[in-house]
C-alpha atoms as a PDB file:
ATOM      1  CA  MET A   1     150.496 133.512  65.669  1.00  0.00           C
ATOM      2  CA  ALA A   2     147.025 132.011  63.707  1.00  0.00           C
ATOM      3  CA  VAL A   3     145.739 128.872  63.433  1.00  0.00           C
ATOM      4  CA  GLU A   4     145.186 127.703  60.341  1.00  0.00           C
ATOM      5  CA  ILE A   5     141.020 126.838  58.955  1.00  0.00           C
ATOM      6  CA  THR A   6     141.498 122.820  59.076  1.00  0.00           C
ATOM      7  CA  ARG A   7     137.943 121.952  59.275  1.00  0.00           C
ATOM      8  CA  LYS A   8     136.912 121.917  55.670  1.00  0.00           C
ATOM      9  CA  ASP A   9     133.430 120.846  55.690  1.00  0.00           C
ATOM     10  CA  MET A  10     131.650 123.911  54.761  1.00  0.00           C
ATOM     11  CA  SER A  11     133.193 126.936  52.173  1.00  0.00           C
ATOM     12  CA  ALA A  12     132.966 130.740  52.909  1.00  0.00           C
ATOM     13  CA  GLY A  13     128.987 130.553  50.590  1.00  0.00           C
ATOM     14  CA  GLU A  14     128.155 127.569  53.106  1.00  0.00           C
ATOM     15  CA  LEU A  15     128.371 129.282  55.830  1.00  0.00           C
ATOM     16  CA  ARG A  16     126.831 132.496  55.533  1.00  0.00           C
ATOM     17  CA  ALA A  17     124.299 130.549  54.281  1.00  0.00           C
ATOM     18  CA  ALA A  18     123.849 128.888  57.300  1.00  0.00           C
ATOM     19  CA  ALA A  19     124.459 131.606  59.713  1.00  0.00           C
ATOM     20  CA  THR A  20     121.203 133.155  57.692  1.00  0.00           C
ATOM     21  CA  ARG A  21     119.108 129.808  58.477  1.00  0.00           C
ATOM     22  CA  THR A  22     119.742 130.127  62.568  1.00  0.00           C
ATOM     23  CA  LYS A  23     118.069 131.131  65.415  1.00  0.00           C
ATOM     24  CA  ASP A  24     121.506 132.353  67.830  1.00  0.00           C
ATOM     25  CA  ALA A  25     122.745 135.492  66.169  1.00  0.00           C
ATOM     26  CA  LYS A  26     126.139 135.012  68.201  1.00  0.00           C
ATOM     27  CA  ALA A  27     126.379 131.375  66.411  1.00  0.00           C
ATOM     28  CA  ALA A  28     125.594 133.741  62.806  1.00  0.00           C
ATOM     29  CA  ARG A  29     128.254 136.341  63.928  1.00  0.00           C
ATOM     30  CA  ARG A  30     130.575 133.482  64.318  1.00  0.00           C
ATOM     31  CA  MET A  31     130.254 131.754  60.730  1.00  0.00           C
ATOM     32  CA  LEU A  32     130.000 135.453  59.278  1.00  0.00           C
ATOM     33  CA  ALA A  33     133.508 135.668  60.995  1.00  0.00           C
ATOM     34  CA  ILE A  34     135.108 132.535  59.720  1.00  0.00           C
ATOM     35  CA  ALA A  35     133.131 132.814  55.921  1.00  0.00           C
ATOM     36  CA  LEU A  36     135.446 136.308  55.826  1.00  0.00           C
ATOM     37  CA  VAL A  37     138.947 134.227  56.713  1.00  0.00           C
ATOM     38  CA  LEU A  38     138.047 132.043  54.418  1.00  0.00           C
ATOM     39  CA  GLU A  39     137.568 134.588  51.496  1.00  0.00           C
ATOM     40  CA  GLY A  40     140.503 135.724  52.020  1.00  0.00           C
ATOM     41  CA  ALA A  41     139.677 138.488  54.657  1.00  0.00           C
ATOM     42  CA  ASP A  42     142.660 139.184  57.204  1.00  0.00           C
ATOM     43  CA  ARG A  43     141.983 138.055  60.664  1.00  0.00           C
ATOM     44  CA  THR A  44     142.084 141.400  62.313  1.00  0.00           C
ATOM     45  CA  THR A  45     139.548 142.452  60.273  1.00  0.00           C
ATOM     46  CA  SER A  46     137.530 139.855  59.794  1.00  0.00           C
ATOM     47  CA  ALA A  47     136.713 139.862  63.571  1.00  0.00           C
ATOM     48  CA  GLN A  48     137.105 143.964  63.610  1.00  0.00           C
ATOM     49  CA  THR A  49     133.662 143.890  60.973  1.00  0.00           C
ATOM     50  CA  CYS A  50     131.558 140.925  63.731  1.00  0.00           C
ATOM     51  CA  GLY A  51     132.380 142.628  66.146  1.00  0.00           C
ATOM     52  CA  MET A  52     135.173 140.778  68.056  1.00  0.00           C
ATOM     53  CA  ASP A  53     139.297 140.645  68.987  1.00  0.00           C
ATOM     54  CA  ARG A  54     140.792 138.765  66.998  1.00  0.00           C
ATOM     55  CA  GLN A  55     141.715 136.739  70.195  1.00  0.00           C
ATOM     56  CA  THR A  56     138.275 135.852  70.305  1.00  0.00           C
ATOM     57  CA  LEU A  57     138.190 134.739  66.230  1.00  0.00           C
ATOM     58  CA  ARG A  58     140.801 132.616  66.880  1.00  0.00           C
ATOM     59  CA  ASP A  59     139.751 130.683  69.508  1.00  0.00           C
ATOM     60  CA  TRP A  60     135.664 130.197  67.438  1.00  0.00           C
ATOM     61  CA  VAL A  61     138.178 128.559  64.755  1.00  0.00           C
ATOM     62  CA  HIS A  62     139.728 126.482  67.244  1.00  0.00           C
ATOM     63  CA  ARG A  63     136.667 125.486  68.608  1.00  0.00           C
ATOM     64  CA  ARG A  64     135.032 125.249  64.957  1.00  0.00           C
ATOM     65  CA  ASN A  65     138.369 122.811  63.774  1.00  0.00           C
ATOM     66  CA  THR A  66     137.360 120.679  66.304  1.00  0.00           C
ATOM     67  CA  GLU A  67     133.633 120.713  66.986  1.00  0.00           C
ATOM     68  CA  GLY A  68     132.442 121.401  63.835  1.00  0.00           C
ATOM     69  CA  ILE A  69     130.008 124.392  62.948  1.00  0.00           C
ATOM     70  CA  ASP A  70     127.878 123.036  66.388  1.00  0.00           C
ATOM     71  CA  GLY A  71     131.066 124.661  67.983  1.00  0.00           C
ATOM     72  CA  LEU A  72     129.975 128.056  67.320  1.00  0.00           C
ATOM     73  CA  SER A  73     127.280 127.842  70.211  1.00  0.00           C
ATOM     74  CA  ASN A  74     127.031 128.658  73.507  1.00  0.00           C
ATOM     75  CA  ARG A  75     127.577 125.665  75.698  1.00  0.00           C
ATOM     76  CA  TYR A  76     125.053 126.716  78.824  1.00  0.00           C
ATOM     77  CA  SER A  77     126.155 124.770  82.052  1.00  0.00           C
ATOM     78  CA  ALA A  78     122.455 123.299  84.169  1.00  0.00           C
ATOM     79  CA  GLY A  79     123.569 125.306  87.003  1.00  0.00           C
ATOM     80  CA  PRO A  80     124.394 124.764  91.328  1.00  0.00           C
ATOM     81  CA  THR A  81     123.826 121.131  92.548  1.00  0.00           C
ATOM     82  CA  PRO A  82     119.928 121.494  94.105  1.00  0.00           C
ATOM     83  CA  LEU A  83     120.840 122.225  97.538  1.00  0.00           C
ATOM     84  CA  LEU A  84     117.233 120.022  98.812  1.00  0.00           C
ATOM     85  CA  ASN A  85     116.938 116.935  97.814  1.00  0.00           C
ATOM     86  CA  ALA A  86     113.281 115.365  96.901  1.00  0.00           C
ATOM     87  CA  GLU A  87     111.629 114.635 100.294  1.00  0.00           C
ATOM     88  CA  GLN A  88     112.848 118.449 101.902  1.00  0.00           C
ATOM     89  CA  LYS A  89     111.376 120.230  99.076  1.00  0.00           C
ATOM     90  CA  ALA A  90     108.395 118.260  98.877  1.00  0.00           C
ATOM     91  CA  GLU A  91     108.196 118.909 102.572  1.00  0.00           C
ATOM     92  CA  LEU A  92     108.825 122.890 102.056  1.00  0.00           C
ATOM     93  CA  ALA A  93     106.283 122.542  99.185  1.00  0.00           C
ATOM     94  CA  GLN A  94     103.508 121.677 101.852  1.00  0.00           C
ATOM     95  CA  MET A  95     104.723 124.390 104.660  1.00  0.00           C
ATOM     96  CA  VAL A  96     104.174 126.835 101.707  1.00  0.00           C
ATOM     97  CA  ARG A  97     100.401 125.083 101.022  1.00  0.00           C
ATOM     98  CA  ASP A  98      99.663 125.248 104.803  1.00  0.00           C
ATOM     99  CA  GLY A  99     100.757 129.180 104.923  1.00  0.00           C
ATOM    100  CA  PRO A 100     101.958 130.692 107.930  1.00  0.00           C
ATOM    101  CA  ASP A 101     101.774 129.287 111.669  1.00  0.00           C
ATOM    102  CA  LEU A 102      98.738 132.313 113.571  1.00  0.00           C
ATOM    103  CA  ALA A 103      99.093 129.998 116.766  1.00  0.00           C
END
């Protein structure tokens, strides 16, 4: 079942304008797909036009409904926690600076 676009803070034209301003190509593609839906295109056509599956478009509609336009950008994680503490990093850096033990 299609998820209704409940967030009405931006019109299709405003979404298109935001898509042209953003440097994030993936977010722009998502904005354009949602703009097509707001203009009355069916979701399958909107998704295919913008290079995604209908289910993927549905997921992005969910994110836009809850987070707004900022939700259309990818989230990046900080990565894994470091294996070395600050003292160990300093010790390793010193070992690298000292070079190999030639003895």
